Amino acid sequence: MACFLLGIQNPAQLASHPLKGALFESFVVAEMLKARFNAGQTDNLFYFRDNIGNEIDLICDHGIHIAPVEIKSGQTVSRDFFKGLKYFSKLTETAMKPCLVYGGDSTFKQQGIRVTSWRDLTRVGL
C-alpha cells in the first residue's frame, strides 16, 4: 500500500527509491507484529533512540528481558549494521538475543549476533 501511495510501480523503482530503508523497516515490523498476534502474544514492541541519535529499530519486551532488533535493507552485511546493537548492549544487562534482520538471503551468526534474512522472519522468535 505504501509503495502504491508513493508511486512505486515495480521492484526496480523500489531498489533505488530514497525511502527503501524506511519501507523495508515498516514491512519487517508489521510482519513481526503479525507473528506475535498470530501466536496469541501481545504487541510489546518498542523502539529506542537516545538524545544523541543512537537507536534500535525494534525492542521486544519480555518482562524481565528485552530483545533488540536492528533492521537494515542492505543485501550484504556491513560492520556498521551492528553499531546500534553493540551500543545498546552496553546500556542494559537485560538484553537478550540481539538480532539483525537484513535484506539478504542467508541466516547466520556474526560478531556473536544472529543475522536473519527477511525471508526467515518467522524464525526470529520474538
N, C-alpha and C. Protein backbone atom coordinates (compact mmCIF):
# COMPACT_ATOMS: atom_id res chain seq x y z
N MET A 1 0.82 -1.18 0.00
CA MET A 1 0.00 0.00 0.00
C MET A 1 0.88 1.26 0.00
N ALA A 2 1.90 1.26 0.86
CA ALA A 2 2.78 2.42 0.93
C ALA A 2 3.48 2.66 -0.40
N CYS A 3 3.93 1.59 -1.05
CA CYS A 3 4.59 1.74 -2.35
C CYS A 3 3.64 2.34 -3.38
N PHE A 4 2.41 1.88 -3.37
CA PHE A 4 1.42 2.42 -4.29
C PHE A 4 1.22 3.92 -4.06
N LEU A 5 1.08 4.30 -2.80
CA LEU A 5 0.87 5.72 -2.47
C LEU A 5 2.09 6.58 -2.82
N LEU A 6 3.27 5.97 -2.82
CA LEU A 6 4.49 6.69 -3.18
C LEU A 6 4.75 6.68 -4.69
N GLY A 7 3.91 5.98 -5.43
CA GLY A 7 4.07 5.91 -6.88
C GLY A 7 5.11 4.90 -7.33
N ILE A 8 5.49 3.98 -6.45
CA ILE A 8 6.47 2.94 -6.80
C ILE A 8 5.70 1.83 -7.50
N GLN A 9 6.04 1.58 -8.75
CA GLN A 9 5.26 0.65 -9.57
C GLN A 9 5.91 -0.71 -9.77
N ASN A 10 7.22 -0.82 -9.50
CA ASN A 10 7.88 -2.12 -9.71
C ASN A 10 9.12 -2.23 -8.81
N PRO A 11 9.66 -3.43 -8.69
CA PRO A 11 10.83 -3.63 -7.80
C PRO A 11 12.05 -2.79 -8.18
N ALA A 12 12.24 -2.51 -9.46
CA ALA A 12 13.38 -1.70 -9.88
C ALA A 12 13.28 -0.28 -9.32
N GLN A 13 12.09 0.27 -9.31
CA GLN A 13 11.89 1.61 -8.74
C GLN A 13 12.13 1.60 -7.23
N LEU A 14 11.68 0.55 -6.57
CA LEU A 14 11.87 0.43 -5.13
C LEU A 14 13.35 0.34 -4.78
N ALA A 15 14.12 -0.40 -5.58
CA ALA A 15 15.55 -0.61 -5.30
C ALA A 15 16.33 0.69 -5.23
N SER A 16 15.90 1.71 -5.94
CA SER A 16 16.64 2.97 -5.94
C SER A 16 15.88 4.11 -5.27
N HIS A 17 14.77 3.81 -4.65
CA HIS A 17 13.95 4.85 -4.02
C HIS A 17 14.58 5.31 -2.70
N PRO A 18 14.55 6.60 -2.40
CA PRO A 18 15.15 7.09 -1.16
C PRO A 18 14.46 6.59 0.12
N LEU A 19 13.24 6.11 0.01
CA LEU A 19 12.53 5.59 1.19
C LEU A 19 12.59 4.06 1.28
N LYS A 20 13.46 3.43 0.51
CA LYS A 20 13.57 1.97 0.52
C LYS A 20 13.81 1.43 1.93
N GLY A 21 14.74 2.04 2.66
CA GLY A 21 15.05 1.58 4.01
C GLY A 21 13.87 1.69 4.95
N ALA A 22 13.17 2.80 4.90
CA ALA A 22 12.01 3.01 5.77
C ALA A 22 10.88 2.04 5.42
N LEU A 23 10.68 1.79 4.13
CA LEU A 23 9.65 0.83 3.71
C LEU A 23 10.01 -0.58 4.18
N PHE A 24 11.28 -0.95 4.06
CA PHE A 24 11.73 -2.27 4.50
C PHE A 24 11.54 -2.42 6.01
N GLU A 25 11.91 -1.40 6.75
CA GLU A 25 11.76 -1.43 8.20
C GLU A 25 10.29 -1.58 8.59
N SER A 26 9.41 -0.84 7.94
CA SER A 26 7.98 -0.93 8.23
C SER A 26 7.44 -2.32 7.92
N PHE A 27 7.91 -2.90 6.81
CA PHE A 27 7.49 -4.26 6.43
C PHE A 27 7.90 -5.26 7.51
N VAL A 28 9.16 -5.19 7.96
CA VAL A 28 9.65 -6.13 8.97
C VAL A 28 8.89 -5.99 10.27
N VAL A 29 8.68 -4.77 10.72
CA VAL A 29 7.94 -4.55 11.97
C VAL A 29 6.52 -5.08 11.85
N ALA A 30 5.86 -4.82 10.73
CA ALA A 30 4.49 -5.32 10.53
C ALA A 30 4.45 -6.85 10.55
N GLU A 31 5.42 -7.49 9.90
CA GLU A 31 5.45 -8.95 9.88
C GLU A 31 5.70 -9.53 11.27
N MET A 32 6.57 -8.90 12.04
CA MET A 32 6.84 -9.38 13.39
C MET A 32 5.64 -9.17 14.30
N LEU A 33 4.95 -8.06 14.11
CA LEU A 33 3.75 -7.80 14.88
C LEU A 33 2.66 -8.82 14.55
N LYS A 34 2.49 -9.12 13.27
CA LYS A 34 1.52 -10.15 12.86
C LYS A 34 1.86 -11.50 13.47
N ALA A 35 3.15 -11.85 13.47
CA ALA A 35 3.57 -13.14 14.02
C ALA A 35 3.26 -13.21 15.51
N ARG A 36 3.48 -12.11 16.23
CA ARG A 36 3.17 -12.10 17.66
C ARG A 36 1.68 -12.26 17.90
N PHE A 37 0.87 -11.52 17.16
CA PHE A 37 -0.58 -11.62 17.34
C PHE A 37 -1.09 -13.02 16.97
N ASN A 38 -0.55 -13.60 15.89
CA ASN A 38 -0.97 -14.94 15.49
C ASN A 38 -0.57 -16.00 16.51
N ALA A 39 0.46 -15.73 17.31
CA ALA A 39 0.88 -16.65 18.36
C ALA A 39 0.16 -16.36 19.68
N GLY A 40 -0.78 -15.42 19.66
CA GLY A 40 -1.55 -15.10 20.86
C GLY A 40 -0.78 -14.23 21.85
N GLN A 41 0.27 -13.56 21.39
CA GLN A 41 1.06 -12.70 22.26
C GLN A 41 0.61 -11.25 22.10
N THR A 42 0.95 -10.44 23.10
CA THR A 42 0.67 -9.01 22.99
C THR A 42 1.71 -8.35 22.10
N ASP A 43 1.47 -7.11 21.74
CA ASP A 43 2.43 -6.44 20.85
C ASP A 43 3.77 -6.23 21.55
N ASN A 44 3.84 -5.53 22.67
CA ASN A 44 5.07 -5.32 23.42
C ASN A 44 6.28 -5.02 22.55
N LEU A 45 6.08 -4.28 21.47
CA LEU A 45 7.17 -3.89 20.59
C LEU A 45 7.41 -2.39 20.72
N PHE A 46 8.66 -2.02 20.87
CA PHE A 46 9.04 -0.63 21.07
C PHE A 46 10.26 -0.32 20.21
N TYR A 47 10.73 0.90 20.28
CA TYR A 47 11.99 1.27 19.66
C TYR A 47 12.77 2.09 20.68
N PHE A 48 14.05 2.28 20.42
CA PHE A 48 14.91 3.04 21.31
C PHE A 48 15.65 4.09 20.50
N ARG A 49 15.70 5.30 21.02
CA ARG A 49 16.51 6.37 20.43
C ARG A 49 16.91 7.30 21.57
N ASP A 50 18.21 7.56 21.69
CA ASP A 50 18.65 8.46 22.75
C ASP A 50 18.83 9.88 22.20
N ASN A 51 19.25 10.79 23.06
CA ASN A 51 19.32 12.20 22.68
C ASN A 51 20.48 12.53 21.74
N ILE A 52 21.37 11.58 21.47
CA ILE A 52 22.46 11.84 20.52
C ILE A 52 22.33 11.02 19.24
N GLY A 53 21.16 10.40 19.05
CA GLY A 53 20.87 9.74 17.78
C GLY A 53 21.12 8.25 17.71
N ASN A 54 21.59 7.63 18.79
CA ASN A 54 21.74 6.17 18.77
C ASN A 54 20.35 5.55 18.83
N GLU A 55 20.16 4.49 18.05
CA GLU A 55 18.82 3.91 18.03
C GLU A 55 18.85 2.41 17.80
N ILE A 56 17.76 1.79 18.20
CA ILE A 56 17.46 0.39 17.91
C ILE A 56 16.08 0.40 17.26
N ASP A 57 15.96 -0.26 16.13
CA ASP A 57 14.72 -0.20 15.36
C ASP A 57 13.55 -0.87 16.05
N LEU A 58 13.82 -1.94 16.78
CA LEU A 58 12.73 -2.70 17.39
C LEU A 58 13.23 -3.35 18.67
N ILE A 59 12.45 -3.20 19.74
CA ILE A 59 12.75 -3.85 21.00
C ILE A 59 11.52 -4.63 21.42
N CYS A 60 11.70 -5.91 21.62
CA CYS A 60 10.61 -6.76 22.07
C CYS A 60 10.74 -6.96 23.57
N ASP A 61 9.72 -6.55 24.31
CA ASP A 61 9.73 -6.62 25.77
C ASP A 61 9.16 -7.95 26.23
N HIS A 62 9.99 -8.71 26.96
CA HIS A 62 9.56 -10.00 27.52
C HIS A 62 9.38 -9.92 29.03
N GLY A 63 9.23 -8.73 29.58
CA GLY A 63 9.08 -8.57 31.01
C GLY A 63 10.43 -8.39 31.69
N ILE A 64 11.09 -9.50 31.97
CA ILE A 64 12.40 -9.45 32.62
C ILE A 64 13.51 -9.16 31.61
N HIS A 65 13.35 -9.66 30.41
CA HIS A 65 14.36 -9.49 29.37
C HIS A 65 13.77 -8.74 28.17
N ILE A 66 14.66 -8.11 27.41
CA ILE A 66 14.27 -7.46 26.17
C ILE A 66 15.15 -7.97 25.04
N ALA A 67 14.60 -8.00 23.84
CA ALA A 67 15.33 -8.47 22.67
C ALA A 67 15.44 -7.34 21.66
N PRO A 68 16.65 -6.78 21.47
CA PRO A 68 16.83 -5.70 20.50
C PRO A 68 16.98 -6.24 19.08
N VAL A 69 16.37 -5.56 18.11
CA VAL A 69 16.44 -5.97 16.71
C VAL A 69 16.80 -4.75 15.88
N GLU A 70 17.83 -4.89 15.08
CA GLU A 70 18.22 -3.85 14.13
C GLU A 70 17.75 -4.31 12.75
N ILE A 71 17.22 -3.40 11.94
CA ILE A 71 16.66 -3.75 10.63
C ILE A 71 17.38 -2.93 9.56
N LYS A 72 17.97 -3.64 8.60
CA LYS A 72 18.71 -2.99 7.51
C LYS A 72 18.27 -3.59 6.18
N SER A 73 18.02 -2.74 5.21
CA SER A 73 17.53 -3.22 3.91
C SER A 73 18.65 -3.75 3.02
N GLY A 74 19.89 -3.50 3.34
CA GLY A 74 21.01 -3.94 2.51
C GLY A 74 21.06 -5.44 2.34
N GLN A 75 21.52 -5.89 1.18
CA GLN A 75 21.58 -7.33 0.90
C GLN A 75 22.91 -7.96 1.34
N THR A 76 23.88 -7.13 1.68
CA THR A 76 25.12 -7.63 2.24
C THR A 76 25.30 -6.99 3.61
N VAL A 77 25.89 -7.74 4.53
CA VAL A 77 26.03 -7.28 5.91
C VAL A 77 27.33 -6.50 6.06
N SER A 78 27.22 -5.34 6.65
CA SER A 78 28.36 -4.47 6.90
C SER A 78 28.61 -4.39 8.41
N ARG A 79 29.85 -4.11 8.79
CA ARG A 79 30.18 -3.96 10.22
C ARG A 79 29.34 -2.86 10.86
N ASP A 80 29.02 -1.84 10.11
CA ASP A 80 28.22 -0.72 10.63
C ASP A 80 26.82 -1.15 11.06
N PHE A 81 26.32 -2.24 10.50
CA PHE A 81 24.98 -2.71 10.84
C PHE A 81 24.87 -3.08 12.32
N PHE A 82 25.99 -3.42 12.95
CA PHE A 82 25.99 -3.89 14.34
C PHE A 82 26.20 -2.77 15.36
N LYS A 83 26.46 -1.57 14.88
CA LYS A 83 26.79 -0.45 15.75
C LYS A 83 25.73 -0.21 16.83
N GLY A 84 24.48 -0.10 16.42
CA GLY A 84 23.40 0.17 17.37
C GLY A 84 23.22 -0.95 18.38
N LEU A 85 23.31 -2.20 17.94
CA LEU A 85 23.14 -3.34 18.84
C LEU A 85 24.26 -3.39 19.87
N LYS A 86 25.48 -3.11 19.45
CA LYS A 86 26.62 -3.12 20.37
C LYS A 86 26.50 -1.98 21.38
N TYR A 87 26.10 -0.81 20.92
CA TYR A 87 25.90 0.33 21.82
C TYR A 87 24.82 0.00 22.85
N PHE A 88 23.70 -0.54 22.39
CA PHE A 88 22.58 -0.83 23.29
C PHE A 88 22.96 -1.88 24.32
N SER A 89 23.76 -2.87 23.94
CA SER A 89 24.15 -3.93 24.88
C SER A 89 24.98 -3.38 26.03
N LYS A 90 25.66 -2.25 25.82
CA LYS A 90 26.43 -1.62 26.90
C LYS A 90 25.54 -0.88 27.89
N LEU A 91 24.31 -0.56 27.48
CA LEU A 91 23.40 0.21 28.32
C LEU A 91 22.56 -0.64 29.26
N THR A 92 22.37 -1.88 28.93
CA THR A 92 21.47 -2.71 29.72
C THR A 92 22.01 -4.12 29.90
N GLU A 93 21.68 -4.69 31.03
CA GLU A 93 22.05 -6.08 31.29
C GLU A 93 20.89 -7.02 31.00
N THR A 94 19.74 -6.45 30.67
CA THR A 94 18.55 -7.27 30.45
C THR A 94 18.37 -7.66 28.99
N ALA A 95 19.25 -7.18 28.12
CA ALA A 95 19.11 -7.50 26.69
C ALA A 95 19.49 -8.97 26.44
N MET A 96 18.72 -9.62 25.60
CA MET A 96 18.99 -11.00 25.22
C MET A 96 18.74 -11.17 23.74
N LYS A 97 19.36 -12.13 23.15
CA LYS A 97 19.13 -12.47 21.75
C LYS A 97 19.12 -11.26 20.81
N PRO A 98 20.18 -10.46 20.76
CA PRO A 98 20.17 -9.38 19.78
C PRO A 98 20.10 -9.97 18.38
N CYS A 99 19.43 -9.28 17.49
CA CYS A 99 19.20 -9.81 16.15
C CYS A 99 19.29 -8.69 15.13
N LEU A 100 19.86 -9.03 13.99
CA LEU A 100 19.91 -8.13 12.85
C LEU A 100 19.10 -8.76 11.74
N VAL A 101 18.06 -8.09 11.28
CA VAL A 101 17.27 -8.54 10.13
C VAL A 101 17.72 -7.71 8.95
N TYR A 102 18.09 -8.38 7.85
CA TYR A 102 18.59 -7.65 6.69
C TYR A 102 17.95 -8.13 5.40
N GLY A 103 18.23 -7.46 4.31
CA GLY A 103 17.58 -7.74 3.04
C GLY A 103 18.19 -8.87 2.23
N GLY A 104 19.15 -9.58 2.78
CA GLY A 104 19.79 -10.69 2.07
C GLY A 104 19.04 -12.00 2.22
N ASP A 105 19.68 -13.09 1.76
CA ASP A 105 19.01 -14.39 1.72
C ASP A 105 19.49 -15.40 2.75
N SER A 106 20.61 -15.16 3.43
CA SER A 106 21.18 -16.15 4.35
C SER A 106 20.92 -15.77 5.80
N THR A 107 20.86 -16.77 6.65
CA THR A 107 20.74 -16.57 8.08
C THR A 107 21.97 -17.20 8.73
N PHE A 108 22.64 -16.44 9.61
CA PHE A 108 23.89 -16.90 10.21
C PHE A 108 24.19 -16.07 11.44
N LYS A 109 25.32 -16.37 12.09
CA LYS A 109 25.78 -15.57 13.23
C LYS A 109 27.04 -14.82 12.83
N GLN A 110 27.13 -13.56 13.27
CA GLN A 110 28.32 -12.76 13.01
C GLN A 110 28.52 -11.85 14.21
N GLN A 111 29.74 -11.76 14.68
CA GLN A 111 30.08 -10.94 15.84
C GLN A 111 29.21 -11.30 17.04
N GLY A 112 28.85 -12.57 17.16
CA GLY A 112 28.03 -13.03 18.28
C GLY A 112 26.57 -12.62 18.20
N ILE A 113 26.15 -12.13 17.06
CA ILE A 113 24.77 -11.65 16.87
C ILE A 113 24.11 -12.46 15.76
N ARG A 114 22.88 -12.85 16.00
CA ARG A 114 22.12 -13.58 15.00
C ARG A 114 21.74 -12.64 13.85
N VAL A 115 22.14 -13.00 12.64
CA VAL A 115 21.82 -12.23 11.44
C VAL A 115 20.77 -13.04 10.69
N THR A 116 19.59 -12.45 10.51
CA THR A 116 18.45 -13.17 9.94
C THR A 116 17.99 -12.53 8.64
N SER A 117 17.83 -13.35 7.62
CA SER A 117 17.27 -12.89 6.36
C SER A 117 15.81 -12.49 6.56
N TRP A 118 15.37 -11.53 5.82
CA TRP A 118 13.96 -11.13 5.88
C TRP A 118 13.06 -12.30 5.50
N ARG A 119 13.60 -13.25 4.74
CA ARG A 119 12.81 -14.42 4.35
C ARG A 119 12.59 -15.39 5.50
N ASP A 120 13.38 -15.25 6.56
CA ASP A 120 13.29 -16.14 7.72
C ASP A 120 12.69 -15.45 8.94
N LEU A 121 11.88 -14.43 8.74
CA LEU A 121 11.34 -13.68 9.86
C LEU A 121 10.57 -14.54 10.84
N THR A 122 9.95 -15.61 10.37
CA THR A 122 9.19 -16.46 11.27
C THR A 122 10.09 -17.20 12.25
N ARG A 123 11.39 -17.27 11.95
CA ARG A 123 12.33 -17.95 12.83
C ARG A 123 12.98 -17.03 13.85
N VAL A 124 12.70 -15.75 13.78
CA VAL A 124 13.33 -14.80 14.70
C VAL A 124 12.91 -15.11 16.13
N GLY A 125 11.68 -15.51 16.34
CA GLY A 125 11.23 -15.95 17.66
C GLY A 125 11.15 -14.86 18.70
N LEU A 126 10.64 -13.72 18.33
CA LEU A 126 10.45 -12.67 19.32
C LEU A 126 9.04 -12.71 19.83
